[in-house]
Amino acid sequence: MRRKLATLILFGYCAATVAADYGVPLPANATPLALAAALQSPAPDQDQLISGKVGRVCQKQGCWMMLIDGDASVRVMTGHRFFLPKDASGEAVVYGRLIEREIDRKTAKHFARESGGDAVEPGPEYRIDALGMQIRP
């Protein structure tokens, strides 16, 4: 019985430290760009790898999350191609297109409800239309 318990505890620990992949596989030979650097010179016409920390995640379906790098943040949209765990945390590498979008008042209220009540202001925001991502605890 002790051996089984020790095995379960060890397996649970290892499973919690493994990266989780979502969506399409990330390009193997590309180096991720830190979010703050990507925002310095956005490339809206090309997909790229961008890294940062997982912030707030949509609490309704896990269809978006905030990617954070210091003071910089963007909303990562999955386009319902894949869904993220509502309790996701850790470091993330996102593969997608960094674009600027205008958020209207209705969409701002929608995002605020899905984030658990955080205020979201209408106006311009950068977002990544994600094709895939990897989250490392």
C-alpha atoms as a PDB file:
ATOM      1  CA  MET A   1       0.000   0.000   0.000  1.00  0.00           C
ATOM      2  CA  ARG A   2       2.812   2.438   0.856  1.00  0.00           C
ATOM      3  CA  ARG A   3       4.554   1.675  -2.431  1.00  0.00           C
ATOM      4  CA  LYS A   4       1.374   2.485  -4.402  1.00  0.00           C
ATOM      5  CA  LEU A   5       0.899   5.729  -2.483  1.00  0.00           C
ATOM      6  CA  ALA A   6       4.527   6.760  -3.030  1.00  0.00           C
ATOM      7  CA  THR A   7       4.204   5.938  -6.744  1.00  0.00           C
ATOM      8  CA  LEU A   8       1.010   8.005  -7.023  1.00  0.00           C
ATOM      9  CA  ILE A   9       2.594  10.944  -5.203  1.00  0.00           C
ATOM     10  CA  LEU A  10       5.714  10.775  -7.397  1.00  0.00           C
ATOM     11  CA  PHE A  11       3.623  10.445 -10.592  1.00  0.00           C
ATOM     12  CA  GLY A  12       1.434  13.380  -9.543  1.00  0.00           C
ATOM     13  CA  TYR A  13       4.513  15.528  -8.948  1.00  0.00           C
ATOM     14  CA  CYS A  14       6.033  14.649 -12.329  1.00  0.00           C
ATOM     15  CA  ALA A  15       2.764  15.249 -14.171  1.00  0.00           C
ATOM     16  CA  ALA A  16       2.505  18.712 -12.613  1.00  0.00           C
ATOM     17  CA  THR A  17       5.969  19.701 -13.884  1.00  0.00           C
ATOM     18  CA  VAL A  18       5.506  18.661 -17.536  1.00  0.00           C
ATOM     19  CA  ALA A  19       4.673  21.184 -20.252  1.00  0.00           C
ATOM     20  CA  ALA A  20       1.182  21.055 -21.750  1.00  0.00           C
ATOM     21  CA  ASP A  21       0.624  21.671 -25.468  1.00  0.00           C
ATOM     22  CA  TYR A  22      -2.550  23.142 -26.999  1.00  0.00           C
ATOM     23  CA  GLY A  23      -3.548  23.639 -30.636  1.00  0.00           C
ATOM     24  CA  VAL A  24      -1.071  23.076 -33.449  1.00  0.00           C
ATOM     25  CA  PRO A  25       2.509  22.006 -32.631  1.00  0.00           C
ATOM     26  CA  LEU A  26       4.936  24.897 -32.169  1.00  0.00           C
ATOM     27  CA  PRO A  27       7.626  25.367 -34.833  1.00  0.00           C
ATOM     28  CA  ALA A  28      10.620  23.331 -33.721  1.00  0.00           C
ATOM     29  CA  ASN A  29      13.507  25.517 -34.886  1.00  0.00           C
ATOM     30  CA  ALA A  30      12.206  28.976 -33.942  1.00  0.00           C
ATOM     31  CA  THR A  31      13.265  30.940 -30.863  1.00  0.00           C
ATOM     32  CA  PRO A  32      10.428  32.670 -28.975  1.00  0.00           C
ATOM     33  CA  LEU A  33      10.495  36.441 -28.713  1.00  0.00           C
ATOM     34  CA  ALA A  34       9.684  37.934 -25.296  1.00  0.00           C
ATOM     35  CA  LEU A  35       6.320  39.709 -25.337  1.00  0.00           C
ATOM     36  CA  ALA A  36       7.801  43.124 -24.474  1.00  0.00           C
ATOM     37  CA  ALA A  37      10.212  42.842 -27.424  1.00  0.00           C
ATOM     38  CA  ALA A  38       7.443  41.663 -29.773  1.00  0.00           C
ATOM     39  CA  LEU A  39       5.367  44.727 -28.872  1.00  0.00           C
ATOM     40  CA  GLN A  40       8.304  47.008 -29.765  1.00  0.00           C
ATOM     41  CA  SER A  41       7.988  45.976 -33.424  1.00  0.00           C
ATOM     42  CA  PRO A  42       4.772  44.025 -34.089  1.00  0.00           C
ATOM     43  CA  ALA A  43       4.683  41.885 -37.246  1.00  0.00           C
ATOM     44  CA  PRO A  44       0.919  41.650 -37.920  1.00  0.00           C
ATOM     45  CA  ASP A  45       1.374  39.796 -41.218  1.00  0.00           C
ATOM     46  CA  GLN A  46       3.274  36.813 -39.864  1.00  0.00           C
ATOM     47  CA  ASP A  47       2.855  34.111 -37.247  1.00  0.00           C
ATOM     48  CA  GLN A  48       5.560  34.083 -34.606  1.00  0.00           C
ATOM     49  CA  LEU A  49       6.502  32.553 -31.264  1.00  0.00           C
ATOM     50  CA  ILE A  50       5.999  34.910 -28.319  1.00  0.00           C
ATOM     51  CA  SER A  51       6.778  34.105 -24.682  1.00  0.00           C
ATOM     52  CA  GLY A  52       5.522  35.427 -21.361  1.00  0.00           C
ATOM     53  CA  LYS A  53       3.683  34.437 -18.196  1.00  0.00           C
ATOM     54  CA  VAL A  54       0.114  33.221 -18.027  1.00  0.00           C
ATOM     55  CA  GLY A  55      -2.171  35.842 -16.502  1.00  0.00           C
ATOM     56  CA  ARG A  56      -5.953  35.783 -16.167  1.00  0.00           C
ATOM     57  CA  VAL A  57      -7.736  32.986 -18.088  1.00  0.00           C
ATOM     58  CA  CYS A  58     -11.328  33.047 -19.377  1.00  0.00           C
ATOM     59  CA  GLN A  59     -13.407  31.470 -16.616  1.00  0.00           C
ATOM     60  CA  LYS A  60     -16.280  30.480 -18.897  1.00  0.00           C
ATOM     61  CA  GLN A  61     -14.579  28.183 -21.441  1.00  0.00           C
ATOM     62  CA  GLY A  62     -10.835  28.852 -21.328  1.00  0.00           C
ATOM     63  CA  CYS A  63     -10.996  30.458 -24.797  1.00  0.00           C
ATOM     64  CA  TRP A  64      -8.592  33.339 -24.006  1.00  0.00           C
ATOM     65  CA  MET A  65      -5.871  34.284 -21.556  1.00  0.00           C
ATOM     66  CA  MET A  66      -3.672  37.243 -20.775  1.00  0.00           C
ATOM     67  CA  LEU A  67       0.034  36.888 -21.606  1.00  0.00           C
ATOM     68  CA  ILE A  68       2.235  39.063 -19.385  1.00  0.00           C
ATOM     69  CA  ASP A  69       5.853  40.220 -19.582  1.00  0.00           C
ATOM     70  CA  GLY A  70       6.653  42.834 -16.928  1.00  0.00           C
ATOM     71  CA  ASP A  71       4.280  45.759 -17.546  1.00  0.00           C
ATOM     72  CA  ALA A  72       3.326  44.507 -21.026  1.00  0.00           C
ATOM     73  CA  SER A  73       0.258  42.347 -21.568  1.00  0.00           C
ATOM     74  CA  VAL A  74      -1.810  41.072 -24.481  1.00  0.00           C
ATOM     75  CA  ARG A  75      -4.959  38.993 -24.766  1.00  0.00           C
ATOM     76  CA  VAL A  76      -4.323  35.602 -26.382  1.00  0.00           C
ATOM     77  CA  MET A  77      -7.402  34.430 -28.293  1.00  0.00           C
ATOM     78  CA  THR A  78      -7.767  30.739 -29.117  1.00  0.00           C
ATOM     79  CA  GLY A  79     -10.583  31.273 -31.627  1.00  0.00           C
ATOM     80  CA  HIS A  80     -12.237  28.232 -29.997  1.00  0.00           C
ATOM     81  CA  ARG A  81      -9.680  26.053 -31.849  1.00  0.00           C
ATOM     82  CA  PHE A  82      -8.578  24.803 -28.421  1.00  0.00           C
ATOM     83  CA  PHE A  83      -9.387  25.583 -24.796  1.00  0.00           C
ATOM     84  CA  LEU A  84      -7.122  26.245 -21.828  1.00  0.00           C
ATOM     85  CA  PRO A  85      -7.547  25.068 -18.246  1.00  0.00           C
ATOM     86  CA  LYS A  86      -9.257  27.798 -16.235  1.00  0.00           C
ATOM     87  CA  ASP A  87      -6.542  27.479 -13.579  1.00  0.00           C
ATOM     88  CA  ALA A  88      -3.602  27.590 -16.021  1.00  0.00           C
ATOM     89  CA  SER A  89      -0.434  29.229 -14.712  1.00  0.00           C
ATOM     90  CA  GLY A  90       3.266  29.341 -15.447  1.00  0.00           C
ATOM     91  CA  GLU A  91       5.343  30.303 -18.467  1.00  0.00           C
ATOM     92  CA  ALA A  92       3.781  30.206 -21.928  1.00  0.00           C
ATOM     93  CA  VAL A  93       5.038  30.206 -25.500  1.00  0.00           C
ATOM     94  CA  VAL A  94       2.307  31.213 -27.944  1.00  0.00           C
ATOM     95  CA  TYR A  95       2.378  30.647 -31.697  1.00  0.00           C
ATOM     96  CA  GLY A  96       0.234  33.120 -33.589  1.00  0.00           C
ATOM     97  CA  ARG A  97      -0.212  36.583 -35.037  1.00  0.00           C
ATOM     98  CA  LEU A  98       0.189  39.732 -32.910  1.00  0.00           C
ATOM     99  CA  ILE A  99      -2.402  42.316 -33.976  1.00  0.00           C
ATOM    100  CA  GLU A 100      -4.043  45.437 -32.614  1.00  0.00           C
ATOM    101  CA  ARG A 101      -7.838  45.395 -32.209  1.00  0.00           C
ATOM    102  CA  GLU A 102     -10.410  47.879 -30.987  1.00  0.00           C
ATOM    103  CA  ILE A 103     -12.554  46.653 -28.076  1.00  0.00           C
ATOM    104  CA  ASP A 104     -16.053  48.115 -27.990  1.00  0.00           C
ATOM    105  CA  ARG A 105     -18.065  48.592 -24.794  1.00  0.00           C
ATOM    106  CA  LYS A 106     -20.082  45.361 -25.269  1.00  0.00           C
ATOM    107  CA  THR A 107     -16.944  43.246 -25.789  1.00  0.00           C
ATOM    108  CA  ALA A 108     -15.249  44.909 -22.784  1.00  0.00           C
ATOM    109  CA  LYS A 109     -18.195  43.911 -20.564  1.00  0.00           C
ATOM    110  CA  HIS A 110     -18.102  40.392 -22.009  1.00  0.00           C
ATOM    111  CA  PHE A 111     -14.375  40.002 -21.220  1.00  0.00           C
ATOM    112  CA  ALA A 112     -14.923  41.437 -17.710  1.00  0.00           C
ATOM    113  CA  ARG A 113     -17.618  38.827 -16.972  1.00  0.00           C
ATOM    114  CA  GLU A 114     -15.423  36.007 -18.275  1.00  0.00           C
ATOM    115  CA  SER A 115     -12.391  37.160 -16.280  1.00  0.00           C
ATOM    116  CA  GLY A 116     -14.179  36.918 -12.968  1.00  0.00           C
ATOM    117  CA  GLY A 117     -15.020  40.596 -12.622  1.00  0.00           C
ATOM    118  CA  ASP A 118     -11.785  42.400 -13.548  1.00  0.00           C
ATOM    119  CA  ALA A 119     -12.521  45.695 -15.259  1.00  0.00           C
ATOM    120  CA  VAL A 120     -11.817  45.771 -18.992  1.00  0.00           C
ATOM    121  CA  GLU A 121     -11.873  49.149 -20.683  1.00  0.00           C
ATOM    122  CA  PRO A 122     -13.054  49.749 -24.262  1.00  0.00           C
ATOM    123  CA  GLY A 123     -10.332  50.920 -26.627  1.00  0.00           C
ATOM    124  CA  PRO A 124      -7.351  49.538 -28.520  1.00  0.00           C
ATOM    125  CA  GLU A 125      -5.641  46.395 -27.294  1.00  0.00           C
ATOM    126  CA  TYR A 126      -2.970  44.109 -28.639  1.00  0.00           C
ATOM    127  CA  ARG A 127      -3.891  40.469 -28.929  1.00  0.00           C
ATOM    128  CA  ILE A 128      -2.445  37.300 -30.321  1.00  0.00           C
ATOM    129  CA  ASP A 129      -4.653  35.150 -32.519  1.00  0.00           C
ATOM    130  CA  ALA A 130      -3.157  31.860 -31.341  1.00  0.00           C
ATOM    131  CA  LEU A 131      -2.777  28.744 -33.417  1.00  0.00           C
ATOM    132  CA  GLY A 132      -1.024  26.834 -30.652  1.00  0.00           C
ATOM    133  CA  MET A 133       0.769  27.226 -27.359  1.00  0.00           C
ATOM    134  CA  GLN A 134       2.764  25.479 -24.712  1.00  0.00           C
ATOM    135  CA  ILE A 135       2.409  26.163 -21.000  1.00  0.00           C
ATOM    136  CA  ARG A 136       5.171  25.164 -18.582  1.00  0.00           C
ATOM    137  CA  PRO A 137       4.474  25.203 -14.831  1.00  0.00           C
END
